[in-house]
ModelCIF file with pLDDT and N, C-alpha, C, O atoms, coordinates in Angstrom:
data_MODEL
#
_entry.id   MODEL 
#
_entity.id                         1 
_entity.type                       polymer 
_entity.pdbx_number_of_molecules   1 
#
_entity_poly.entity_id                      1 
_entity_poly.type                           'polypeptide(L)' 
_entity_poly.nstd_linkage                   no 
_entity_poly.nstd_monomer                   no 
_entity_poly.pdbx_seq_one_letter_code       
;(UNK)(UNK)(UNK)(UNK)(UNK)(UNK)(UNK)(UNK)(UNK)(UNK)(UNK)(UNK)(UNK)(UNK)(UNK)(UNK)
(UNK)(UNK)(UNK)(UNK)(UNK)(UNK)(UNK)(UNK)(UNK)(UNK)(UNK)(UNK)(UNK)(UNK)(UNK)(UNK)
(UNK)(UNK)(UNK)(UNK)(UNK)(UNK)(UNK)(UNK)(UNK)(UNK)(UNK)(UNK)(UNK)(UNK)(UNK)
;
_entity_poly.pdbx_seq_one_letter_code_can   XXXXXXXXXXXXXXXXXXXXXXXXXXXXXXXXXXXXXXXXXXXXXXX 
_entity_poly.pdbx_strand_id                 A 
#
loop_
_entity_poly_seq.entity_id 
_entity_poly_seq.num 
_entity_poly_seq.mon_id 
_entity_poly_seq.hetero 
1 1  UNK n 
1 2  UNK n 
1 3  UNK n 
1 4  UNK n 
1 5  UNK n 
1 6  UNK n 
1 7  UNK n 
1 8  UNK n 
1 9  UNK n 
1 10 UNK n 
1 11 UNK n 
1 12 UNK n 
1 13 UNK n 
1 14 UNK n 
1 15 UNK n 
1 16 UNK n 
1 17 UNK n 
1 18 UNK n 
1 19 UNK n 
1 20 UNK n 
1 21 UNK n 
1 22 UNK n 
1 23 UNK n 
1 24 UNK n 
1 25 UNK n 
1 26 UNK n 
1 27 UNK n 
1 28 UNK n 
1 29 UNK n 
1 30 UNK n 
1 31 UNK n 
1 32 UNK n 
1 33 UNK n 
1 34 UNK n 
1 35 UNK n 
1 36 UNK n 
1 37 UNK n 
1 38 UNK n 
1 39 UNK n 
1 40 UNK n 
1 41 UNK n 
1 42 UNK n 
1 43 UNK n 
1 44 UNK n 
1 45 UNK n 
1 46 UNK n 
1 47 UNK n 
#
_struct_asym.id          A 
_struct_asym.entity_id   1 
#
loop_
_ma_qa_metric.id 
_ma_qa_metric.mode 
_ma_qa_metric.name 
_ma_qa_metric.software_group_id 
_ma_qa_metric.type 
1 global pLDDT . pLDDT 
2 local  pLDDT . pLDDT 
#
_ma_qa_metric_global.metric_id      1 
_ma_qa_metric_global.metric_value   94.57 
_ma_qa_metric_global.model_id       1 
_ma_qa_metric_global.ordinal_id     1 
#
loop_
_ma_qa_metric_local.label_asym_id 
_ma_qa_metric_local.label_comp_id 
_ma_qa_metric_local.label_seq_id 
_ma_qa_metric_local.metric_id 
_ma_qa_metric_local.metric_value 
_ma_qa_metric_local.model_id 
_ma_qa_metric_local.ordinal_id 
A UNK 1  2 97.00 1 1  
A UNK 2  2 97.00 1 2  
A UNK 3  2 97.00 1 3  
A UNK 4  2 97.00 1 4  
A UNK 5  2 97.00 1 5  
A UNK 6  2 97.00 1 6  
A UNK 7  2 97.00 1 7  
A UNK 8  2 97.00 1 8  
A UNK 9  2 96.00 1 9  
A UNK 10 2 96.00 1 10 
A UNK 11 2 97.00 1 11 
A UNK 12 2 96.00 1 12 
A UNK 13 2 95.00 1 13 
A UNK 14 2 95.00 1 14 
A UNK 15 2 96.00 1 15 
A UNK 16 2 95.00 1 16 
A UNK 17 2 94.00 1 17 
A UNK 18 2 90.00 1 18 
A UNK 19 2 95.00 1 19 
A UNK 20 2 94.00 1 20 
A UNK 21 2 94.00 1 21 
A UNK 22 2 94.00 1 22 
A UNK 23 2 94.00 1 23 
A UNK 24 2 93.00 1 24 
A UNK 25 2 95.00 1 25 
A UNK 26 2 96.00 1 26 
A UNK 27 2 96.00 1 27 
A UNK 28 2 96.00 1 28 
A UNK 29 2 94.00 1 29 
A UNK 30 2 94.00 1 30 
A UNK 31 2 91.00 1 31 
A UNK 32 2 83.00 1 32 
A UNK 33 2 83.00 1 33 
A UNK 34 2 92.00 1 34 
A UNK 35 2 96.00 1 35 
A UNK 36 2 96.00 1 36 
A UNK 37 2 95.00 1 37 
A UNK 38 2 95.00 1 38 
A UNK 39 2 94.00 1 39 
A UNK 40 2 92.00 1 40 
A UNK 41 2 93.00 1 41 
A UNK 42 2 93.00 1 42 
A UNK 43 2 95.00 1 43 
A UNK 44 2 96.00 1 44 
A UNK 45 2 96.00 1 45 
A UNK 46 2 97.00 1 46 
A UNK 47 2 97.00 1 47 
#
loop_
_atom_site.group_PDB 
_atom_site.id 
_atom_site.type_symbol 
_atom_site.label_atom_id 
_atom_site.label_alt_id 
_atom_site.label_comp_id 
_atom_site.label_asym_id 
_atom_site.label_entity_id 
_atom_site.label_seq_id 
_atom_site.pdbx_PDB_ins_code 
_atom_site.Cartn_x 
_atom_site.Cartn_y 
_atom_site.Cartn_z 
_atom_site.occupancy 
_atom_site.B_iso_or_equiv 
_atom_site.pdbx_formal_charge 
_atom_site.auth_seq_id 
_atom_site.auth_comp_id 
_atom_site.auth_asym_id 
_atom_site.auth_atom_id 
_atom_site.pdbx_PDB_model_num 
ATOM 1   N N  . UNK A 1 1  ? 104.018 114.942 121.379 1.00 97.00 ? 1  UNK A N  1 
ATOM 2   C CA . UNK A 1 1  ? 104.744 113.678 121.485 1.00 97.00 ? 1  UNK A CA 1 
ATOM 3   C C  . UNK A 1 1  ? 105.791 113.749 122.593 1.00 97.00 ? 1  UNK A C  1 
ATOM 4   O O  . UNK A 1 1  ? 105.957 112.795 123.353 1.00 97.00 ? 1  UNK A O  1 
ATOM 5   N N  . UNK A 1 2  ? 106.499 114.879 122.686 1.00 97.00 ? 2  UNK A N  1 
ATOM 6   C CA . UNK A 1 2  ? 107.510 115.027 123.734 1.00 97.00 ? 2  UNK A CA 1 
ATOM 7   C C  . UNK A 1 2  ? 106.868 115.027 125.118 1.00 97.00 ? 2  UNK A C  1 
ATOM 8   O O  . UNK A 1 2  ? 107.399 114.416 126.046 1.00 97.00 ? 2  UNK A O  1 
ATOM 9   N N  . UNK A 1 3  ? 105.733 115.708 125.266 1.00 97.00 ? 3  UNK A N  1 
ATOM 10  C CA . UNK A 1 3  ? 105.043 115.738 126.553 1.00 97.00 ? 3  UNK A CA 1 
ATOM 11  C C  . UNK A 1 3  ? 104.513 114.361 126.932 1.00 97.00 ? 3  UNK A C  1 
ATOM 12  O O  . UNK A 1 3  ? 104.555 113.976 128.100 1.00 97.00 ? 3  UNK A O  1 
ATOM 13  N N  . UNK A 1 4  ? 104.017 113.624 125.949 1.00 97.00 ? 4  UNK A N  1 
ATOM 14  C CA . UNK A 1 4  ? 103.509 112.279 126.202 1.00 97.00 ? 4  UNK A CA 1 
ATOM 15  C C  . UNK A 1 4  ? 104.627 111.360 126.673 1.00 97.00 ? 4  UNK A C  1 
ATOM 16  O O  . UNK A 1 4  ? 104.456 110.616 127.639 1.00 97.00 ? 4  UNK A O  1 
ATOM 17  N N  . UNK A 1 5  ? 105.758 111.407 126.001 1.00 97.00 ? 5  UNK A N  1 
ATOM 18  C CA . UNK A 1 5  ? 106.887 110.560 126.389 1.00 97.00 ? 5  UNK A CA 1 
ATOM 19  C C  . UNK A 1 5  ? 107.420 110.950 127.769 1.00 97.00 ? 5  UNK A C  1 
ATOM 20  O O  . UNK A 1 5  ? 107.876 110.088 128.521 1.00 97.00 ? 5  UNK A O  1 
ATOM 21  N N  . UNK A 1 6  ? 107.368 112.227 128.102 1.00 97.00 ? 6  UNK A N  1 
ATOM 22  C CA . UNK A 1 6  ? 107.804 112.661 129.427 1.00 97.00 ? 6  UNK A CA 1 
ATOM 23  C C  . UNK A 1 6  ? 106.906 112.073 130.517 1.00 97.00 ? 6  UNK A C  1 
ATOM 24  O O  . UNK A 1 6  ? 107.398 111.640 131.559 1.00 97.00 ? 6  UNK A O  1 
ATOM 25  N N  . UNK A 1 7  ? 105.595 112.057 130.281 1.00 97.00 ? 7  UNK A N  1 
ATOM 26  C CA . UNK A 1 7  ? 104.672 111.495 131.263 1.00 97.00 ? 7  UNK A CA 1 
ATOM 27  C C  . UNK A 1 7  ? 104.896 109.994 131.420 1.00 97.00 ? 7  UNK A C  1 
ATOM 28  O O  . UNK A 1 7  ? 104.945 109.482 132.538 1.00 97.00 ? 7  UNK A O  1 
ATOM 29  N N  . UNK A 1 8  ? 105.031 109.293 130.299 1.00 97.00 ? 8  UNK A N  1 
ATOM 30  C CA . UNK A 1 8  ? 105.279 107.855 130.364 1.00 97.00 ? 8  UNK A CA 1 
ATOM 31  C C  . UNK A 1 8  ? 106.587 107.580 131.099 1.00 97.00 ? 8  UNK A C  1 
ATOM 32  O O  . UNK A 1 8  ? 106.660 106.663 131.918 1.00 97.00 ? 8  UNK A O  1 
ATOM 33  N N  . UNK A 1 9  ? 107.614 108.368 130.810 1.00 96.00 ? 9  UNK A N  1 
ATOM 34  C CA . UNK A 1 9  ? 108.892 108.188 131.478 1.00 96.00 ? 9  UNK A CA 1 
ATOM 35  C C  . UNK A 1 9  ? 108.821 108.419 132.972 1.00 96.00 ? 9  UNK A C  1 
ATOM 36  O O  . UNK A 1 9  ? 109.583 107.823 133.733 1.00 96.00 ? 9  UNK A O  1 
ATOM 37  N N  . UNK A 1 10 ? 107.905 109.289 133.400 1.00 96.00 ? 10 UNK A N  1 
ATOM 38  C CA . UNK A 1 10 ? 107.724 109.556 134.829 1.00 96.00 ? 10 UNK A CA 1 
ATOM 39  C C  . UNK A 1 10 ? 107.021 108.404 135.539 1.00 96.00 ? 10 UNK A C  1 
ATOM 40  O O  . UNK A 1 10 ? 107.374 108.055 136.666 1.00 96.00 ? 10 UNK A O  1 
ATOM 41  N N  . UNK A 1 11 ? 106.016 107.809 134.872 1.00 97.00 ? 11 UNK A N  1 
ATOM 42  C CA . UNK A 1 11 ? 105.184 106.791 135.528 1.00 97.00 ? 11 UNK A CA 1 
ATOM 43  C C  . UNK A 1 11 ? 105.712 105.375 135.377 1.00 97.00 ? 11 UNK A C  1 
ATOM 44  O O  . UNK A 1 11 ? 105.575 104.559 136.288 1.00 97.00 ? 11 UNK A O  1 
ATOM 45  N N  . UNK A 1 12 ? 106.308 105.082 134.245 1.00 96.00 ? 12 UNK A N  1 
ATOM 46  C CA . UNK A 1 12 ? 106.647 103.699 133.923 1.00 96.00 ? 12 UNK A CA 1 
ATOM 47  C C  . UNK A 1 12 ? 107.515 103.008 134.978 1.00 96.00 ? 12 UNK A C  1 
ATOM 48  O O  . UNK A 1 12 ? 107.220 101.864 135.324 1.00 96.00 ? 12 UNK A O  1 
ATOM 49  N N  . UNK A 1 13 ? 108.569 103.639 135.509 1.00 95.00 ? 13 UNK A N  1 
ATOM 50  C CA . UNK A 1 13 ? 109.435 102.911 136.456 1.00 95.00 ? 13 UNK A CA 1 
ATOM 51  C C  . UNK A 1 13 ? 108.712 102.343 137.674 1.00 95.00 ? 13 UNK A C  1 
ATOM 52  O O  . UNK A 1 13 ? 109.103 101.293 138.184 1.00 95.00 ? 13 UNK A O  1 
ATOM 53  N N  . UNK A 1 14 ? 107.667 103.017 138.148 1.00 95.00 ? 14 UNK A N  1 
ATOM 54  C CA . UNK A 1 14 ? 106.996 102.519 139.348 1.00 95.00 ? 14 UNK A CA 1 
ATOM 55  C C  . UNK A 1 14 ? 106.161 101.271 139.086 1.00 95.00 ? 14 UNK A C  1 
ATOM 56  O O  . UNK A 1 14 ? 105.800 100.558 140.022 1.00 95.00 ? 14 UNK A O  1 
ATOM 57  N N  . UNK A 1 15 ? 105.849 100.999 137.798 1.00 96.00 ? 15 UNK A N  1 
ATOM 58  C CA . UNK A 1 15 ? 105.016 99.843  137.479 1.00 96.00 ? 15 UNK A CA 1 
ATOM 59  C C  . UNK A 1 15 ? 105.809 98.664  136.909 1.00 96.00 ? 15 UNK A C  1 
ATOM 60  O O  . UNK A 1 15 ? 105.264 97.569  136.767 1.00 96.00 ? 15 UNK A O  1 
ATOM 61  N N  . UNK A 1 16 ? 107.062 98.868  136.586 1.00 95.00 ? 16 UNK A N  1 
ATOM 62  C CA . UNK A 1 16 ? 107.843 97.779  135.994 1.00 95.00 ? 16 UNK A CA 1 
ATOM 63  C C  . UNK A 1 16 ? 108.060 96.607  136.948 1.00 95.00 ? 16 UNK A C  1 
ATOM 64  O O  . UNK A 1 16 ? 107.992 95.460  136.506 1.00 95.00 ? 16 UNK A O  1 
ATOM 65  N N  . UNK A 1 17 ? 108.321 96.844  138.252 1.00 94.00 ? 17 UNK A N  1 
ATOM 66  C CA . UNK A 1 17 ? 108.460 95.690  139.149 1.00 94.00 ? 17 UNK A CA 1 
ATOM 67  C C  . UNK A 1 17 ? 107.191 94.827  139.149 1.00 94.00 ? 17 UNK A C  1 
ATOM 68  O O  . UNK A 1 17 ? 106.081 95.344  139.277 1.00 94.00 ? 17 UNK A O  1 
ATOM 69  N N  . UNK A 1 18 ? 107.362 93.548  139.007 1.00 90.00 ? 18 UNK A N  1 
ATOM 70  C CA . UNK A 1 18 ? 106.213 92.637  138.975 1.00 90.00 ? 18 UNK A CA 1 
ATOM 71  C C  . UNK A 1 18 ? 105.724 92.302  137.581 1.00 90.00 ? 18 UNK A C  1 
ATOM 72  O O  . UNK A 1 18 ? 104.874 91.428  137.414 1.00 90.00 ? 18 UNK A O  1 
ATOM 73  N N  . UNK A 1 19 ? 106.254 92.988  136.580 1.00 95.00 ? 19 UNK A N  1 
ATOM 74  C CA . UNK A 1 19 ? 105.892 92.667  135.198 1.00 95.00 ? 19 UNK A CA 1 
ATOM 75  C C  . UNK A 1 19 ? 106.874 91.647  134.630 1.00 95.00 ? 19 UNK A C  1 
ATOM 76  O O  . UNK A 1 19 ? 108.039 91.633  135.029 1.00 95.00 ? 19 UNK A O  1 
ATOM 77  N N  . UNK A 1 20 ? 106.434 90.801  133.715 1.00 94.00 ? 20 UNK A N  1 
ATOM 78  C CA . UNK A 1 20 ? 107.356 89.809  133.139 1.00 94.00 ? 20 UNK A CA 1 
ATOM 79  C C  . UNK A 1 20 ? 108.448 90.441  132.297 1.00 94.00 ? 20 UNK A C  1 
ATOM 80  O O  . UNK A 1 20 ? 109.528 89.869  132.149 1.00 94.00 ? 20 UNK A O  1 
ATOM 81  N N  . UNK A 1 21 ? 108.179 91.619  131.742 1.00 94.00 ? 21 UNK A N  1 
ATOM 82  C CA . UNK A 1 21 ? 109.155 92.334  130.927 1.00 94.00 ? 21 UNK A CA 1 
ATOM 83  C C  . UNK A 1 21 ? 108.647 93.751  130.710 1.00 94.00 ? 21 UNK A C  1 
ATOM 84  O O  . UNK A 1 21 ? 107.488 94.057  130.988 1.00 94.00 ? 21 UNK A O  1 
ATOM 85  N N  . UNK A 1 22 ? 109.508 94.591  130.222 1.00 94.00 ? 22 UNK A N  1 
ATOM 86  C CA . UNK A 1 22 ? 109.107 95.949  129.864 1.00 94.00 ? 22 UNK A CA 1 
ATOM 87  C C  . UNK A 1 22 ? 108.535 95.958  128.450 1.00 94.00 ? 22 UNK A C  1 
ATOM 88  O O  . UNK A 1 22 ? 108.816 95.039  127.679 1.00 94.00 ? 22 UNK A O  1 
ATOM 89  N N  . UNK A 1 23 ? 107.752 96.952  128.087 1.00 94.00 ? 23 UNK A N  1 
ATOM 90  C CA . UNK A 1 23 ? 107.295 97.048  126.694 1.00 94.00 ? 23 UNK A CA 1 
ATOM 91  C C  . UNK A 1 23 ? 108.485 97.100  125.743 1.00 94.00 ? 23 UNK A C  1 
ATOM 92  O O  . UNK A 1 23 ? 109.503 97.721  126.048 1.00 94.00 ? 23 UNK A O  1 
ATOM 93  N N  . UNK A 1 24 ? 108.355 96.448  124.596 1.00 93.00 ? 24 UNK A N  1 
ATOM 94  C CA . UNK A 1 24 ? 109.454 96.401  123.629 1.00 93.00 ? 24 UNK A CA 1 
ATOM 95  C C  . UNK A 1 24 ? 109.746 97.776  123.045 1.00 93.00 ? 24 UNK A C  1 
ATOM 96  O O  . UNK A 1 24 ? 110.906 98.133  122.836 1.00 93.00 ? 24 UNK A O  1 
ATOM 97  N N  . UNK A 1 25 ? 108.707 98.539  122.784 1.00 95.00 ? 25 UNK A N  1 
ATOM 98  C CA . UNK A 1 25 ? 108.860 99.900  122.260 1.00 95.00 ? 25 UNK A CA 1 
ATOM 99  C C  . UNK A 1 25 ? 107.546 100.634 122.462 1.00 95.00 ? 25 UNK A C  1 
ATOM 100 O O  . UNK A 1 25 ? 106.520 100.022 122.758 1.00 95.00 ? 25 UNK A O  1 
ATOM 101 N N  . UNK A 1 26 ? 107.586 101.948 122.301 1.00 96.00 ? 26 UNK A N  1 
ATOM 102 C CA . UNK A 1 26 ? 106.395 102.778 122.457 1.00 96.00 ? 26 UNK A CA 1 
ATOM 103 C C  . UNK A 1 26 ? 106.161 103.547 121.168 1.00 96.00 ? 26 UNK A C  1 
ATOM 104 O O  . UNK A 1 26 ? 107.053 104.229 120.663 1.00 96.00 ? 26 UNK A O  1 
ATOM 105 N N  . UNK A 1 27 ? 104.948 103.427 120.644 1.00 96.00 ? 27 UNK A N  1 
ATOM 106 C CA . UNK A 1 27 ? 104.535 104.191 119.468 1.00 96.00 ? 27 UNK A CA 1 
ATOM 107 C C  . UNK A 1 27 ? 103.390 105.109 119.860 1.00 96.00 ? 27 UNK A C  1 
ATOM 108 O O  . UNK A 1 27 ? 102.470 104.695 120.565 1.00 96.00 ? 27 UNK A O  1 
ATOM 109 N N  . UNK A 1 28 ? 103.446 106.354 119.402 1.00 96.00 ? 28 UNK A N  1 
ATOM 110 C CA . UNK A 1 28 ? 102.397 107.332 119.672 1.00 96.00 ? 28 UNK A CA 1 
ATOM 111 C C  . UNK A 1 28 ? 101.607 107.556 118.393 1.00 96.00 ? 28 UNK A C  1 
ATOM 112 O O  . UNK A 1 28 ? 102.185 107.840 117.344 1.00 96.00 ? 28 UNK A O  1 
ATOM 113 N N  . UNK A 1 29 ? 100.288 107.429 118.477 1.00 94.00 ? 29 UNK A N  1 
ATOM 114 C CA . UNK A 1 29 ? 99.441  107.477 117.294 1.00 94.00 ? 29 UNK A CA 1 
ATOM 115 C C  . UNK A 1 29 ? 98.223  108.345 117.555 1.00 94.00 ? 29 UNK A C  1 
ATOM 116 O O  . UNK A 1 29 ? 97.890  108.648 118.701 1.00 94.00 ? 29 UNK A O  1 
ATOM 117 N N  . UNK A 1 30 ? 97.570  108.736 116.485 1.00 94.00 ? 30 UNK A N  1 
ATOM 118 C CA . UNK A 1 30 ? 96.244  109.354 116.573 1.00 94.00 ? 30 UNK A CA 1 
ATOM 119 C C  . UNK A 1 30 ? 95.242  108.249 116.293 1.00 94.00 ? 30 UNK A C  1 
ATOM 120 O O  . UNK A 1 30 ? 95.098  107.807 115.153 1.00 94.00 ? 30 UNK A O  1 
ATOM 121 N N  . UNK A 1 31 ? 94.552  107.805 117.328 1.00 91.00 ? 31 UNK A N  1 
ATOM 122 C CA . UNK A 1 31 ? 93.645  106.669 117.223 1.00 91.00 ? 31 UNK A CA 1 
ATOM 123 C C  . UNK A 1 31 ? 92.202  107.156 117.132 1.00 91.00 ? 31 UNK A C  1 
ATOM 124 O O  . UNK A 1 31 ? 91.827  108.140 117.768 1.00 91.00 ? 31 UNK A O  1 
ATOM 125 N N  . UNK A 1 32 ? 91.406  106.463 116.340 1.00 83.00 ? 32 UNK A N  1 
ATOM 126 C CA . UNK A 1 32 ? 90.021  106.877 116.151 1.00 83.00 ? 32 UNK A CA 1 
ATOM 127 C C  . UNK A 1 32 ? 89.126  106.467 117.307 1.00 83.00 ? 32 UNK A C  1 
ATOM 128 O O  . UNK A 1 32 ? 88.204  107.204 117.656 1.00 83.00 ? 32 UNK A O  1 
ATOM 129 N N  . UNK A 1 33 ? 89.372  105.311 117.910 1.00 83.00 ? 33 UNK A N  1 
ATOM 130 C CA . UNK A 1 33 ? 88.491  104.843 118.987 1.00 83.00 ? 33 UNK A CA 1 
ATOM 131 C C  . UNK A 1 33 ? 89.262  104.325 120.199 1.00 83.00 ? 33 UNK A C  1 
ATOM 132 O O  . UNK A 1 33 ? 88.849  104.567 121.333 1.00 83.00 ? 33 UNK A O  1 
ATOM 133 N N  . UNK A 1 34 ? 90.354  103.631 119.989 1.00 92.00 ? 34 UNK A N  1 
ATOM 134 C CA . UNK A 1 34 ? 91.119  103.089 121.102 1.00 92.00 ? 34 UNK A CA 1 
ATOM 135 C C  . UNK A 1 34 ? 91.934  104.176 121.806 1.00 92.00 ? 34 UNK A C  1 
ATOM 136 O O  . UNK A 1 34 ? 92.154  105.263 121.273 1.00 92.00 ? 34 UNK A O  1 
ATOM 137 N N  . UNK A 1 35 ? 92.375  103.840 123.028 1.00 96.00 ? 35 UNK A N  1 
ATOM 138 C CA . UNK A 1 35 ? 93.296  104.709 123.758 1.00 96.00 ? 35 UNK A CA 1 
ATOM 139 C C  . UNK A 1 35 ? 94.687  104.097 123.835 1.00 96.00 ? 35 UNK A C  1 
ATOM 140 O O  . UNK A 1 35 ? 95.669  104.801 124.070 1.00 96.00 ? 35 UNK A O  1 
ATOM 141 N N  . UNK A 1 36 ? 94.767  102.810 123.641 1.00 96.00 ? 36 UNK A N  1 
ATOM 142 C CA . UNK A 1 36 ? 96.059  102.150 123.655 1.00 96.00 ? 36 UNK A CA 1 
ATOM 143 C C  . UNK A 1 36 ? 95.921  100.723 123.184 1.00 96.00 ? 36 UNK A C  1 
ATOM 144 O O  . UNK A 1 36 ? 94.812  100.200 123.077 1.00 96.00 ? 36 UNK A O  1 
ATOM 145 N N  . UNK A 1 37 ? 97.050  100.090 122.900 1.00 95.00 ? 37 UNK A N  1 
ATOM 146 C CA . UNK A 1 37 ? 97.050  98.689  122.493 1.00 95.00 ? 37 UNK A CA 1 
ATOM 147 C C  . UNK A 1 37 ? 98.430  98.110  122.774 1.00 95.00 ? 37 UNK A C  1 
ATOM 148 O O  . UNK A 1 37 ? 99.422  98.832  122.870 1.00 95.00 ? 37 UNK A O  1 
ATOM 149 N N  . UNK A 1 38 ? 98.464  96.786  122.902 1.00 95.00 ? 38 UNK A N  1 
ATOM 150 C CA . UNK A 1 38 ? 99.725  96.079  123.106 1.00 95.00 ? 38 UNK A CA 1 
ATOM 151 C C  . UNK A 1 38 ? 99.796  94.950  122.093 1.00 95.00 ? 38 UNK A C  1 
ATOM 152 O O  . UNK A 1 38 ? 98.951  94.055  122.089 1.00 95.00 ? 38 UNK A O  1 
ATOM 153 N N  . UNK A 1 39 ? 100.807 94.992  121.233 1.00 94.00 ? 39 UNK A N  1 
ATOM 154 C CA . UNK A 1 39 ? 100.981 93.982  120.199 1.00 94.00 ? 39 UNK A CA 1 
ATOM 155 C C  . UNK A 1 39 ? 101.584 92.714  120.797 1.00 94.00 ? 39 UNK A C  1 
ATOM 156 O O  . UNK A 1 39 ? 102.179 92.764  121.874 1.00 94.00 ? 39 UNK A O  1 
ATOM 157 N N  . UNK A 1 40 ? 101.439 91.584  120.117 1.00 92.00 ? 40 UNK A N  1 
ATOM 158 C CA . UNK A 1 40 ? 102.023 90.329  120.618 1.00 92.00 ? 40 UNK A CA 1 
ATOM 159 C C  . UNK A 1 40 ? 103.523 90.400  120.864 1.00 92.00 ? 40 UNK A C  1 
ATOM 160 O O  . UNK A 1 40 ? 104.043 89.680  121.717 1.00 92.00 ? 40 UNK A O  1 
ATOM 161 N N  . UNK A 1 41 ? 104.234 91.266  120.124 1.00 93.00 ? 41 UNK A N  1 
ATOM 162 C CA . UNK A 1 41 ? 105.678 91.373  120.328 1.00 93.00 ? 41 UNK A CA 1 
ATOM 163 C C  . UNK A 1 41 ? 106.056 92.292  121.484 1.00 93.00 ? 41 UNK A C  1 
ATOM 164 O O  . UNK A 1 41 ? 107.236 92.552  121.721 1.00 93.00 ? 41 UNK A O  1 
ATOM 165 N N  . UNK A 1 42 ? 105.032 92.788  122.209 1.00 93.00 ? 42 UNK A N  1 
ATOM 166 C CA . UNK A 1 42 ? 105.299 93.650  123.349 1.00 93.00 ? 42 UNK A CA 1 
ATOM 167 C C  . UNK A 1 42 ? 105.376 95.125  123.026 1.00 93.00 ? 42 UNK A C  1 
ATOM 168 O O  . UNK A 1 42 ? 105.658 95.935  123.909 1.00 93.00 ? 42 UNK A O  1 
ATOM 169 N N  . UNK A 1 43 ? 105.129 95.494  121.768 1.00 95.00 ? 43 UNK A N  1 
ATOM 170 C CA . UNK A 1 43 ? 105.111 96.907  121.390 1.00 95.00 ? 43 UNK A CA 1 
ATOM 171 C C  . UNK A 1 43 ? 103.834 97.559  121.898 1.00 95.00 ? 43 UNK A C  1 
ATOM 172 O O  . UNK A 1 43 ? 102.740 97.028  121.706 1.00 95.00 ? 43 UNK A O  1 
ATOM 173 N N  . UNK A 1 44 ? 103.974 98.697  122.537 1.00 96.00 ? 44 UNK A N  1 
ATOM 174 C CA . UNK A 1 44 ? 102.826 99.423  123.066 1.00 96.00 ? 44 UNK A CA 1 
ATOM 175 C C  . UNK A 1 44 ? 102.526 100.634 122.189 1.00 96.00 ? 44 UNK A C  1 
ATOM 176 O O  . UNK A 1 44 ? 103.440 101.353 121.785 1.00 96.00 ? 44 UNK A O  1 
ATOM 177 N N  . UNK A 1 45 ? 101.262 100.856 121.899 1.00 96.00 ? 45 UNK A N  1 
ATOM 178 C CA . UNK A 1 45 ? 100.813 102.052 121.189 1.00 96.00 ? 45 UNK A CA 1 
ATOM 179 C C  . UNK A 1 45 ? 99.883  102.828 122.111 1.00 96.00 ? 45 UNK A C  1 
ATOM 180 O O  . UNK A 1 45 ? 99.034  102.241 122.781 1.00 96.00 ? 45 UNK A O  1 
ATOM 181 N N  . UNK A 1 46 ? 100.042 104.138 122.144 1.00 97.00 ? 46 UNK A N  1 
ATOM 182 C CA . UNK A 1 46 ? 99.192  105.005 122.953 1.00 97.00 ? 46 UNK A CA 1 
ATOM 183 C C  . UNK A 1 46 ? 98.642  106.125 122.088 1.00 97.00 ? 46 UNK A C  1 
ATOM 184 O O  . UNK A 1 46 ? 99.312  106.617 121.180 1.00 97.00 ? 46 UNK A O  1 
ATOM 185 N N  . UNK A 1 47 ? 97.411  106.521 122.385 1.00 97.00 ? 47 UNK A N  1 
ATOM 186 C CA . UNK A 1 47 ? 96.786  107.611 121.654 1.00 97.00 ? 47 UNK A CA 1 
ATOM 187 C C  . UNK A 1 47 ? 97.375  108.937 122.125 1.00 97.00 ? 47 UNK A C  1 
ATOM 188 O O  . UNK A 1 47 ? 96.984  109.996 121.633 1.00 97.00 ? 47 UNK A O  1 
#
């Protein structure tokens, strides 16, 4: 989880310009088939 958040923290700033908003929060999960999802409230989940 710490390594995943470190990678996201490294990449995210370069993609924020041009987006309507930043993700509301980040959840890390063990997903059976998906790799990620974005909820209507802007919450992002990553496998």
